[in-house]
């Protein structure tokens, strides 16, 4: 019998993109806890869209948390997945409303 395939390594992290999809990247700074530096880091890592963040599993959140240089733990501390799910669905958060009004950056 063939051996069962090995499970995907948890160290690979979430699926990433080479570039933003057509229409350009989402404004990840609308996620509380993501400022200009973190947005640039996330883009370099291959994360451009709310739906990418919204789809992260607990293991993927842990991977991203561990790989945010200087910002470890920020994903789980600020509930990025929940915020991104709201934004991906076209909704707003209290924080994203402040960003839209120009009260943050």
PDB file of N, CA and C in Angstrom:
ATOM      1  N   UNK A   1       0.833  -1.215   0.000  1.00  0.00           N
ATOM      2  CA  UNK A   1       0.000   0.000   0.000  1.00  0.00           C
ATOM      3  C   UNK A   1       0.863   1.259   0.000  1.00  0.00           C
ATOM      4  N   UNK A   2       0.318   2.282  -0.620  1.00  0.00           N
ATOM      5  CA  UNK A   2       1.030   3.574  -0.674  1.00  0.00           C
ATOM      6  C   UNK A   2       0.987   4.239   0.699  1.00  0.00           C
ATOM      7  N   UNK A   3       2.078   4.865   1.102  1.00  0.00           N
ATOM      8  CA  UNK A   3       2.014   5.602   2.371  1.00  0.00           C
ATOM      9  C   UNK A   3       1.103   6.823   2.228  1.00  0.00           C
ATOM     10  N   UNK A   4       0.455   7.152   3.322  1.00  0.00           N
ATOM     11  CA  UNK A   4      -0.426   8.330   3.305  1.00  0.00           C
ATOM     12  C   UNK A   4       0.425   9.577   3.091  1.00  0.00           C
ATOM     13  N   UNK A   5      -0.107  10.553   2.360  1.00  0.00           N
ATOM     14  CA  UNK A   5       0.675  11.781   2.170  1.00  0.00           C
ATOM     15  C   UNK A   5       0.889  12.479   3.511  1.00  0.00           C
ATOM     16  N   UNK A   6       2.033  13.082   3.631  1.00  0.00           N
ATOM     17  CA  UNK A   6       2.337  13.808   4.872  1.00  0.00           C
ATOM     18  C   UNK A   6       1.446  15.040   4.955  1.00  0.00           C
ATOM     19  N   UNK A   7       0.995  15.372   6.162  1.00  0.00           N
ATOM     20  CA  UNK A   7       0.187  16.587   6.289  1.00  0.00           C
ATOM     21  C   UNK A   7       1.024  17.813   5.939  1.00  0.00           C
ATOM     22  N   UNK A   8       0.372  18.832   5.458  1.00  0.00           N
ATOM     23  CA  UNK A   8       1.082  20.063   5.107  1.00  0.00           C
ATOM     24  C   UNK A   8       1.764  20.609   6.357  1.00  0.00           C
ATOM     25  N   UNK A   9       2.959  21.075   6.187  1.00  0.00           N
ATOM     26  CA  UNK A   9       3.697  21.619   7.329  1.00  0.00           C
ATOM     27  C   UNK A   9       3.042  22.908   7.804  1.00  0.00           C
ATOM     28  N   UNK A  10       2.839  23.000   9.098  1.00  0.00           N
ATOM     29  CA  UNK A  10       2.222  24.194   9.672  1.00  0.00           C
ATOM     30  C   UNK A  10       3.137  25.404   9.531  1.00  0.00           C
ATOM     31  N   UNK A  11       4.411  25.154   9.213  1.00  0.00           N
ATOM     32  CA  UNK A  11       5.364  26.255   9.122  1.00  0.00           C
ATOM     33  C   UNK A  11       5.264  27.015   7.806  1.00  0.00           C
ATOM     34  N   UNK A  12       4.447  26.531   6.881  1.00  0.00           N
ATOM     35  CA  UNK A  12       4.325  27.196   5.590  1.00  0.00           C
ATOM     36  C   UNK A  12       3.497  28.472   5.654  1.00  0.00           C
ATOM     37  N   UNK A  13       2.648  28.591   6.646  1.00  0.00           N
ATOM     38  CA  UNK A  13       1.800  29.771   6.762  1.00  0.00           C
ATOM     39  C   UNK A  13       0.668  29.754   5.763  1.00  0.00           C
ATOM     40  N   UNK A  14      -0.139  30.814   5.774  1.00  0.00           N
ATOM     41  CA  UNK A  14      -1.286  30.885   4.875  1.00  0.00           C
ATOM     42  C   UNK A  14      -0.876  31.085   3.419  1.00  0.00           C
ATOM     43  N   UNK A  15      -1.810  30.803   2.525  1.00  0.00           N
ATOM     44  CA  UNK A  15      -1.569  31.014   1.096  1.00  0.00           C
ATOM     45  C   UNK A  15      -1.268  32.485   0.838  1.00  0.00           C
ATOM     46  N   UNK A  16      -0.292  32.708  -0.036  1.00  0.00           N
ATOM     47  CA  UNK A  16       0.107  34.079  -0.348  1.00  0.00           C
ATOM     48  C   UNK A  16      -0.008  34.329  -1.841  1.00  0.00           C
ATOM     49  N   UNK A  17      -0.068  35.601  -2.207  1.00  0.00           N
ATOM     50  CA  UNK A  17      -0.147  36.008  -3.607  1.00  0.00           C
ATOM     51  C   UNK A  17       1.166  36.664  -4.018  1.00  0.00           C
ATOM     52  N   UNK A  18       1.494  36.557  -5.300  1.00  0.00           N
ATOM     53  CA  UNK A  18       2.680  37.239  -5.832  1.00  0.00           C
ATOM     54  C   UNK A  18       2.452  38.748  -5.898  1.00  0.00           C
ATOM     55  N   UNK A  19       1.204  39.134  -6.143  1.00  0.00           N
ATOM     56  CA  UNK A  19       0.842  40.550  -6.253  1.00  0.00           C
ATOM     57  C   UNK A  19      -0.645  40.676  -5.952  1.00  0.00           C
ATOM     58  N   UNK A  20      -1.078  41.912  -5.753  1.00  0.00           N
ATOM     59  CA  UNK A  20      -2.497  42.154  -5.499  1.00  0.00           C
ATOM     60  C   UNK A  20      -3.311  41.747  -6.718  1.00  0.00           C
ATOM     61  N   UNK A  21      -4.547  41.339  -6.483  1.00  0.00           N
ATOM     62  CA  UNK A  21      -5.443  40.990  -7.583  1.00  0.00           C
ATOM     63  C   UNK A  21      -5.800  42.239  -8.384  1.00  0.00           C
ATOM     64  N   UNK A  22      -6.422  42.015  -9.548  1.00  0.00           N
ATOM     65  CA  UNK A  22      -6.894  43.133 -10.372  1.00  0.00           C
ATOM     66  C   UNK A  22      -7.763  44.036  -9.508  1.00  0.00           C
ATOM     67  N   UNK A  23      -7.624  45.326  -9.688  1.00  0.00           N
ATOM     68  CA  UNK A  23      -8.366  46.256  -8.852  1.00  0.00           C
ATOM     69  C   UNK A  23      -7.515  46.786  -7.712  1.00  0.00           C
ATOM     70  N   UNK A  24      -6.347  46.174  -7.507  1.00  0.00           N
ATOM     71  CA  UNK A  24      -5.421  46.662  -6.499  1.00  0.00           C
ATOM     72  C   UNK A  24      -5.664  46.093  -5.121  1.00  0.00           C
ATOM     73  N   UNK A  25      -4.732  46.367  -4.216  1.00  0.00           N
ATOM     74  CA  UNK A  25      -4.829  45.826  -2.868  1.00  0.00           C
ATOM     75  C   UNK A  25      -5.906  46.528  -2.051  1.00  0.00           C
ATOM     76  N   UNK A  26      -6.410  45.826  -1.049  1.00  0.00           N
ATOM     77  CA  UNK A  26      -7.309  46.454  -0.080  1.00  0.00           C
ATOM     78  C   UNK A  26      -6.477  47.325   0.855  1.00  0.00           C
ATOM     79  N   UNK A  27      -7.121  48.289   1.485  1.00  0.00           N
ATOM     80  CA  UNK A  27      -6.452  49.154   2.455  1.00  0.00           C
ATOM     81  C   UNK A  27      -6.400  48.416   3.790  1.00  0.00           C
ATOM     82  N   UNK A  28      -5.330  47.661   3.989  1.00  0.00           N
ATOM     83  CA  UNK A  28      -5.213  46.856   5.204  1.00  0.00           C
ATOM     84  C   UNK A  28      -5.094  47.717   6.455  1.00  0.00           C
ATOM     85  N   UNK A  29      -4.813  49.007   6.289  1.00  0.00           N
ATOM     86  CA  UNK A  29      -4.740  49.909   7.438  1.00  0.00           C
ATOM     87  C   UNK A  29      -6.106  50.139   8.074  1.00  0.00           C
ATOM     88  N   UNK A  30      -7.176  49.675   7.431  1.00  0.00           N
ATOM     89  CA  UNK A  30      -8.512  49.756   8.035  1.00  0.00           C
ATOM     90  C   UNK A  30      -8.704  48.679   9.102  1.00  0.00           C
ATOM     91  N   UNK A  31      -7.745  47.755   9.195  1.00  0.00           N
ATOM     92  CA  UNK A  31      -7.756  46.748  10.252  1.00  0.00           C
ATOM     93  C   UNK A  31      -7.014  47.347  11.439  1.00  0.00           C
ATOM     94  N   UNK A  32      -7.693  47.445  12.574  1.00  0.00           N
ATOM     95  CA  UNK A  32      -7.057  48.003  13.771  1.00  0.00           C
ATOM     96  C   UNK A  32      -5.822  47.187  14.110  1.00  0.00           C
ATOM     97  N   UNK A  33      -4.701  47.870  14.290  1.00  0.00           N
ATOM     98  CA  UNK A  33      -3.437  47.202  14.578  1.00  0.00           C
ATOM     99  C   UNK A  33      -2.507  47.171  13.385  1.00  0.00           C
ATOM    100  N   UNK A  34      -3.010  47.530  12.196  1.00  0.00           N
ATOM    101  CA  UNK A  34      -2.182  47.573  10.990  1.00  0.00           C
ATOM    102  C   UNK A  34      -1.959  49.036  10.616  1.00  0.00           C
ATOM    103  N   UNK A  35      -0.717  49.480  10.744  1.00  0.00           N
ATOM    104  CA  UNK A  35      -0.351  50.821  10.302  1.00  0.00           C
ATOM    105  C   UNK A  35       0.409  50.733   8.995  1.00  0.00           C
ATOM    106  N   UNK A  36       0.937  51.857   8.528  1.00  0.00           N
ATOM    107  CA  UNK A  36       1.655  51.850   7.248  1.00  0.00           C
ATOM    108  C   UNK A  36       2.812  50.848   7.191  1.00  0.00           C
ATOM    109  N   UNK A  37       3.599  50.734   8.267  1.00  0.00           N
ATOM    110  CA  UNK A  37       4.737  49.799   8.260  1.00  0.00           C
ATOM    111  C   UNK A  37       4.267  48.350   8.192  1.00  0.00           C
ATOM    112  N   UNK A  38       3.248  48.028   8.973  1.00  0.00           N
ATOM    113  CA  UNK A  38       2.746  46.649   8.966  1.00  0.00           C
ATOM    114  C   UNK A  38       2.066  46.323   7.647  1.00  0.00           C
ATOM    115  N   UNK A  39       1.348  47.281   7.070  1.00  0.00           N
ATOM    116  CA  UNK A  39       0.723  47.038   5.770  1.00  0.00           C
ATOM    117  C   UNK A  39       1.796  46.719   4.730  1.00  0.00           C
ATOM    118  N   UNK A  40       2.891  47.479   4.727  1.00  0.00           N
ATOM    119  CA  UNK A  40       3.978  47.220   3.777  1.00  0.00           C
ATOM    120  C   UNK A  40       4.591  45.840   4.018  1.00  0.00           C
ATOM    121  N   UNK A  41       4.757  45.462   5.288  1.00  0.00           N
ATOM    122  CA  UNK A  41       5.308  44.146   5.614  1.00  0.00           C
ATOM    123  C   UNK A  41       4.364  43.040   5.141  1.00  0.00           C
ATOM    124  N   UNK A  42       3.069  43.205   5.395  1.00  0.00           N
ATOM    125  CA  UNK A  42       2.093  42.204   4.955  1.00  0.00           C
ATOM    126  C   UNK A  42       2.103  42.070   3.440  1.00  0.00           C
ATOM    127  N   UNK A  43       2.188  43.188   2.722  1.00  0.00           N
ATOM    128  CA  UNK A  43       2.244  43.140   1.262  1.00  0.00           C
ATOM    129  C   UNK A  43       3.499  42.393   0.807  1.00  0.00           C
ATOM    130  N   UNK A  44       4.637  42.661   1.444  1.00  0.00           N
ATOM    131  CA  UNK A  44       5.874  41.945   1.084  1.00  0.00           C
ATOM    132  C   UNK A  44       5.737  40.443   1.344  1.00  0.00           C
ATOM    133  N   UNK A  45       4.946  40.089   2.360  1.00  0.00           N
ATOM    134  CA  UNK A  45       4.734  38.678   2.694  1.00  0.00           C
ATOM    135  C   UNK A  45       3.728  38.015   1.745  1.00  0.00           C
ATOM    136  N   UNK A  46       3.005  38.812   0.941  1.00  0.00           N
ATOM    137  CA  UNK A  46       2.043  38.252  -0.009  1.00  0.00           C
ATOM    138  C   UNK A  46       0.595  38.380   0.403  1.00  0.00           C
ATOM    139  N   UNK A  47       0.311  39.271   1.364  1.00  0.00           N
ATOM    140  CA  UNK A  47      -1.054  39.487   1.838  1.00  0.00           C
ATOM    141  C   UNK A  47      -1.504  40.886   1.441  1.00  0.00           C
ATOM    142  N   UNK A  48      -2.564  40.939   0.632  1.00  0.00           N
ATOM    143  CA  UNK A  48      -3.035  42.209   0.072  1.00  0.00           C
ATOM    144  C   UNK A  48      -4.519  42.457   0.296  1.00  0.00           C
ATOM    145  N   UNK A  49      -5.262  41.428   0.646  1.00  0.00           N
ATOM    146  CA  UNK A  49      -6.722  41.531   0.616  1.00  0.00           C
ATOM    147  C   UNK A  49      -7.357  41.072   1.925  1.00  0.00           C
ATOM    148  N   UNK A  50      -8.485  41.709   2.245  1.00  0.00           N
ATOM    149  CA  UNK A  50      -9.223  41.362   3.464  1.00  0.00           C
ATOM    150  C   UNK A  50      -9.600  39.887   3.489  1.00  0.00           C
ATOM    151  N   UNK A  51     -10.039  39.351   2.335  1.00  0.00           N
ATOM    152  CA  UNK A  51     -10.488  37.958   2.338  1.00  0.00           C
ATOM    153  C   UNK A  51      -9.347  36.989   2.630  1.00  0.00           C
ATOM    154  N   UNK A  52      -8.110  37.365   2.294  1.00  0.00           N
ATOM    155  CA  UNK A  52      -6.974  36.516   2.650  1.00  0.00           C
ATOM    156  C   UNK A  52      -6.862  36.414   4.173  1.00  0.00           C
ATOM    157  N   UNK A  53      -6.882  37.566   4.839  1.00  0.00           N
ATOM    158  CA  UNK A  53      -6.748  37.601   6.299  1.00  0.00           C
ATOM    159  C   UNK A  53      -7.954  36.929   6.956  1.00  0.00           C
ATOM    160  N   UNK A  54      -9.141  37.185   6.416  1.00  0.00           N
ATOM    161  CA  UNK A  54     -10.373  36.630   6.991  1.00  0.00           C
ATOM    162  C   UNK A  54     -10.376  35.105   6.966  1.00  0.00           C
ATOM    163  N   UNK A  55      -9.665  34.508   6.028  1.00  0.00           N
ATOM    164  CA  UNK A  55      -9.654  33.060   5.886  1.00  0.00           C
ATOM    165  C   UNK A  55      -8.582  32.335   6.678  1.00  0.00           C
ATOM    166  N   UNK A  56      -7.771  33.069   7.438  1.00  0.00           N
ATOM    167  CA  UNK A  56      -6.700  32.420   8.180  1.00  0.00           C
ATOM    168  C   UNK A  56      -7.243  31.504   9.265  1.00  0.00           C
ATOM    169  N   UNK A  57      -6.678  30.310   9.356  1.00  0.00           N
ATOM    170  CA  UNK A  57      -7.001  29.371  10.433  1.00  0.00           C
ATOM    171  C   UNK A  57      -6.198  29.756  11.681  1.00  0.00           C
ATOM    172  N   UNK A  58      -6.476  29.100  12.790  1.00  0.00           N
ATOM    173  CA  UNK A  58      -5.726  29.369  14.024  1.00  0.00           C
ATOM    174  C   UNK A  58      -4.231  29.111  13.822  1.00  0.00           C
ATOM    175  N   UNK A  59      -3.882  28.040  13.106  1.00  0.00           N
ATOM    176  CA  UNK A  59      -2.467  27.742  12.851  1.00  0.00           C
ATOM    177  C   UNK A  59      -1.833  28.816  11.976  1.00  0.00           C
ATOM    178  N   UNK A  60      -2.588  29.300  10.993  1.00  0.00           N
ATOM    179  CA  UNK A  60      -2.059  30.341  10.113  1.00  0.00           C
ATOM    180  C   UNK A  60      -1.892  31.665  10.856  1.00  0.00           C
ATOM    181  N   UNK A  61      -2.839  31.979  11.740  1.00  0.00           N
ATOM    182  CA  UNK A  61      -2.705  33.177  12.577  1.00  0.00           C
ATOM    183  C   UNK A  61      -1.426  33.072  13.403  1.00  0.00           C
ATOM    184  N   UNK A  62      -1.188  31.904  13.992  1.00  0.00           N
ATOM    185  CA  UNK A  62       0.022  31.700  14.798  1.00  0.00           C
ATOM    186  C   UNK A  62       1.271  31.891  13.947  1.00  0.00           C
ATOM    187  N   UNK A  63       1.254  31.385  12.710  1.00  0.00           N
ATOM    188  CA  UNK A  63       2.407  31.541  11.815  1.00  0.00           C
ATOM    189  C   UNK A  63       2.649  33.012  11.516  1.00  0.00           C
ATOM    190  N   UNK A  64       1.601  33.743  11.153  1.00  0.00           N
ATOM    191  CA  UNK A  64       1.768  35.162  10.834  1.00  0.00           C
ATOM    192  C   UNK A  64       2.216  35.916  12.084  1.00  0.00           C
ATOM    193  N   UNK A  65       1.572  35.639  13.220  1.00  0.00           N
ATOM    194  CA  UNK A  65       1.979  36.275  14.483  1.00  0.00           C
ATOM    195  C   UNK A  65       3.481  36.098  14.724  1.00  0.00           C
ATOM    196  N   UNK A  66       3.998  34.901  14.480  1.00  0.00           N
ATOM    197  CA  UNK A  66       5.414  34.609  14.719  1.00  0.00           C
ATOM    198  C   UNK A  66       6.339  35.256  13.695  1.00  0.00           C
ATOM    199  N   UNK A  67       5.804  35.605  12.524  1.00  0.00           N
ATOM    200  CA  UNK A  67       6.647  36.115  11.444  1.00  0.00           C
ATOM    201  C   UNK A  67       6.527  37.616  11.203  1.00  0.00           C
ATOM    202  N   UNK A  68       5.795  38.313  12.035  1.00  0.00           N
ATOM    203  CA  UNK A  68       5.709  39.773  11.923  1.00  0.00           C
ATOM    204  C   UNK A  68       6.851  40.381  12.731  1.00  0.00           C
ATOM    205  N   UNK A  69       7.939  40.662  12.057  1.00  0.00           N
ATOM    206  CA  UNK A  69       9.127  41.177  12.738  1.00  0.00           C
ATOM    207  C   UNK A  69       8.810  42.485  13.448  1.00  0.00           C
ATOM    208  N   UNK A  70       9.009  42.484  14.750  1.00  0.00           N
ATOM    209  CA  UNK A  70       8.746  43.675  15.544  1.00  0.00           C
ATOM    210  C   UNK A  70       7.290  43.832  15.955  1.00  0.00           C
ATOM    211  N   UNK A  71       6.417  42.972  15.445  1.00  0.00           N
ATOM    212  CA  UNK A  71       4.981  43.082  15.736  1.00  0.00           C
ATOM    213  C   UNK A  71       4.392  41.726  16.121  1.00  0.00           C
ATOM    214  N   UNK A  72       5.209  40.852  16.679  1.00  0.00           N
ATOM    215  CA  UNK A  72       4.744  39.494  16.996  1.00  0.00           C
ATOM    216  C   UNK A  72       3.513  39.527  17.885  1.00  0.00           C
ATOM    217  N   UNK A  73       2.543  38.690  17.548  1.00  0.00           N
ATOM    218  CA  UNK A  73       1.326  38.575  18.346  1.00  0.00           C
ATOM    219  C   UNK A  73       0.234  39.565  17.993  1.00  0.00           C
ATOM    220  N   UNK A  74       0.503  40.481  17.083  1.00  0.00           N
ATOM    221  CA  UNK A  74      -0.456  41.545  16.767  1.00  0.00           C
ATOM    222  C   UNK A  74      -1.737  41.004  16.140  1.00  0.00           C
ATOM    223  N   UNK A  75      -1.632  39.963  15.312  1.00  0.00           N
ATOM    224  CA  UNK A  75      -2.811  39.421  14.625  1.00  0.00           C
ATOM    225  C   UNK A  75      -3.857  38.966  15.630  1.00  0.00           C
ATOM    226  N   UNK A  76      -3.436  38.161  16.596  1.00  0.00           N
ATOM    227  CA  UNK A  76      -4.397  37.636  17.567  1.00  0.00           C
ATOM    228  C   UNK A  76      -4.805  38.691  18.590  1.00  0.00           C
ATOM    229  N   UNK A  77      -3.877  39.547  19.003  1.00  0.00           N
ATOM    230  CA  UNK A  77      -4.215  40.593  19.984  1.00  0.00           C
ATOM    231  C   UNK A  77      -5.316  41.510  19.483  1.00  0.00           C
ATOM    232  N   UNK A  78      -5.252  41.871  18.199  1.00  0.00           N
ATOM    233  CA  UNK A  78      -6.211  42.830  17.645  1.00  0.00           C
ATOM    234  C   UNK A  78      -7.327  42.180  16.825  1.00  0.00           C
ATOM    235  N   UNK A  79      -7.440  40.856  16.876  1.00  0.00           N
ATOM    236  CA  UNK A  79      -8.531  40.148  16.173  1.00  0.00           C
ATOM    237  C   UNK A  79      -8.626  40.512  14.694  1.00  0.00           C
ATOM    238  N   UNK A  80      -7.510  40.435  13.994  1.00  0.00           N
ATOM    239  CA  UNK A  80      -7.495  40.800  12.579  1.00  0.00           C
ATOM    240  C   UNK A  80      -8.456  39.976  11.744  1.00  0.00           C
ATOM    241  N   UNK A  81      -8.561  38.669  12.025  1.00  0.00           N
ATOM    242  CA  UNK A  81      -9.396  37.791  11.202  1.00  0.00           C
ATOM    243  C   UNK A  81     -10.851  38.256  11.259  1.00  0.00           C
ATOM    244  N   UNK A  82     -11.331  38.551  12.451  1.00  0.00           N
ATOM    245  CA  UNK A  82     -12.715  39.015  12.611  1.00  0.00           C
ATOM    246  C   UNK A  82     -12.932  40.362  11.910  1.00  0.00           C
ATOM    247  N   UNK A  83     -11.998  41.289  12.100  1.00  0.00           N
ATOM    248  CA  UNK A  83     -12.122  42.593  11.443  1.00  0.00           C
ATOM    249  C   UNK A  83     -12.096  42.439   9.920  1.00  0.00           C
ATOM    250  N   UNK A  84     -11.168  41.617   9.424  1.00  0.00           N
ATOM    251  CA  UNK A  84     -11.031  41.429   7.981  1.00  0.00           C
ATOM    252  C   UNK A  84     -12.274  40.786   7.385  1.00  0.00           C
ATOM    253  N   UNK A  85     -12.910  39.876   8.118  1.00  0.00           N
ATOM    254  CA  UNK A  85     -14.136  39.240   7.625  1.00  0.00           C
ATOM    255  C   UNK A  85     -15.230  40.283   7.439  1.00  0.00           C
ATOM    256  N   UNK A  86     -15.357  41.200   8.388  1.00  0.00           N
ATOM    257  CA  UNK A  86     -16.351  42.273   8.280  1.00  0.00           C
ATOM    258  C   UNK A  86     -16.053  43.151   7.074  1.00  0.00           C
ATOM    259  N   UNK A  87     -14.788  43.545   6.919  1.00  0.00           N
ATOM    260  CA  UNK A  87     -14.396  44.415   5.809  1.00  0.00           C
ATOM    261  C   UNK A  87     -14.526  43.697   4.462  1.00  0.00           C
ATOM    262  N   UNK A  88     -14.185  42.410   4.409  1.00  0.00           N
ATOM    263  CA  UNK A  88     -14.288  41.641   3.163  1.00  0.00           C
ATOM    264  C   UNK A  88     -15.732  41.531   2.698  1.00  0.00           C
ATOM    265  N   UNK A  89     -16.665  41.524   3.660  1.00  0.00           N
ATOM    266  CA  UNK A  89     -18.090  41.420   3.332  1.00  0.00           C
ATOM    267  C   UNK A  89     -18.690  42.780   2.980  1.00  0.00           C
ATOM    268  N   UNK A  90     -17.841  43.815   2.944  1.00  0.00           N
ATOM    269  CA  UNK A  90     -18.334  45.147   2.598  1.00  0.00           C
ATOM    270  C   UNK A  90     -18.804  45.946   3.796  1.00  0.00           C
ATOM    271  N   UNK A  91     -18.610  45.397   4.990  1.00  0.00           N
ATOM    272  CA  UNK A  91     -19.026  46.093   6.199  1.00  0.00           C
ATOM    273  C   UNK A  91     -17.967  47.061   6.688  1.00  0.00           C
ATOM    274  N   UNK A  92     -18.275  47.696   7.811  1.00  0.00           N
ATOM    275  CA  UNK A  92     -17.353  48.638   8.430  1.00  0.00           C
ATOM    276  C   UNK A  92     -17.166  48.255   9.890  1.00  0.00           C
ATOM    277  N   UNK A  93     -16.039  48.649  10.434  1.00  0.00           N
ATOM    278  CA  UNK A  93     -15.803  48.525  11.870  1.00  0.00           C
ATOM    279  C   UNK A  93     -15.700  49.941  12.418  1.00  0.00           C
ATOM    280  N   UNK A  94     -15.772  50.085  13.730  1.00  0.00           N
ATOM    281  CA  UNK A  94     -15.604  51.417  14.313  1.00  0.00           C
ATOM    282  C   UNK A  94     -14.268  52.010  13.884  1.00  0.00           C
ATOM    283  N   UNK A  95     -13.229  51.169  13.855  1.00  0.00           N
ATOM    284  CA  UNK A  95     -11.904  51.654  13.482  1.00  0.00           C
ATOM    285  C   UNK A  95     -11.853  52.050  12.008  1.00  0.00           C
ATOM    286  N   UNK A  96     -12.436  51.243  11.117  1.00  0.00           N
ATOM    287  CA  UNK A  96     -12.380  51.576   9.685  1.00  0.00           C
ATOM    288  C   UNK A  96     -13.126  52.875   9.397  1.00  0.00           C
ATOM    289  N   UNK A  97     -14.179  53.152  10.167  1.00  0.00           N
ATOM    290  CA  UNK A  97     -14.901  54.424  10.003  1.00  0.00           C
ATOM    291  C   UNK A  97     -13.995  55.597  10.358  1.00  0.00           C
ATOM    292  N   UNK A  98     -13.181  55.437  11.404  1.00  0.00           N
ATOM    293  CA  UNK A  98     -12.241  56.498  11.787  1.00  0.00           C
ATOM    294  C   UNK A  98     -11.201  56.714  10.696  1.00  0.00           C
ATOM    295  N   UNK A  99     -10.709  55.617  10.100  1.00  0.00           N
ATOM    296  CA  UNK A  99      -9.735  55.722   9.014  1.00  0.00           C
ATOM    297  C   UNK A  99     -10.366  56.464   7.840  1.00  0.00           C
ATOM    298  N   UNK A 100     -11.608  56.091   7.487  1.00  0.00           N
ATOM    299  CA  UNK A 100     -12.299  56.736   6.370  1.00  0.00           C
ATOM    300  C   UNK A 100     -12.477  58.231   6.598  1.00  0.00           C
ATOM    301  N   UNK A 101     -12.699  58.623   7.850  1.00  0.00           N
ATOM    302  CA  UNK A 101     -12.891  60.041   8.168  1.00  0.00           C
ATOM    303  C   UNK A 101     -11.568  60.801   8.222  1.00  0.00           C
ATOM    304  N   UNK A 102     -10.454  60.087   8.161  1.00  0.00           N
ATOM    305  CA  UNK A 102      -9.153  60.738   8.233  1.00  0.00           C
ATOM    306  C   UNK A 102      -8.681  60.983   9.652  1.00  0.00           C
ATOM    307  N   UNK A 103      -9.296  60.299  10.614  1.00  0.00           N
ATOM    308  CA  UNK A 103      -8.950  60.513  12.018  1.00  0.00           C
ATOM    309  C   UNK A 103      -7.772  59.666  12.496  1.00  0.00           C
ATOM    310  N   UNK A 104      -7.212  58.822  11.623  1.00  0.00           N
ATOM    311  CA  UNK A 104      -6.175  57.906  12.100  1.00  0.00           C
ATOM    312  C   UNK A 104      -4.823  58.175  11.454  1.00  0.00           C
ATOM    313  N   UNK A 105      -4.730  58.133  10.123  1.00  0.00           N
ATOM    314  CA  UNK A 105      -3.418  58.249   9.479  1.00  0.00           C
ATOM    315  C   UNK A 105      -3.290  59.577   8.789  1.00  0.00           C
TER     316      UNK A 105
END
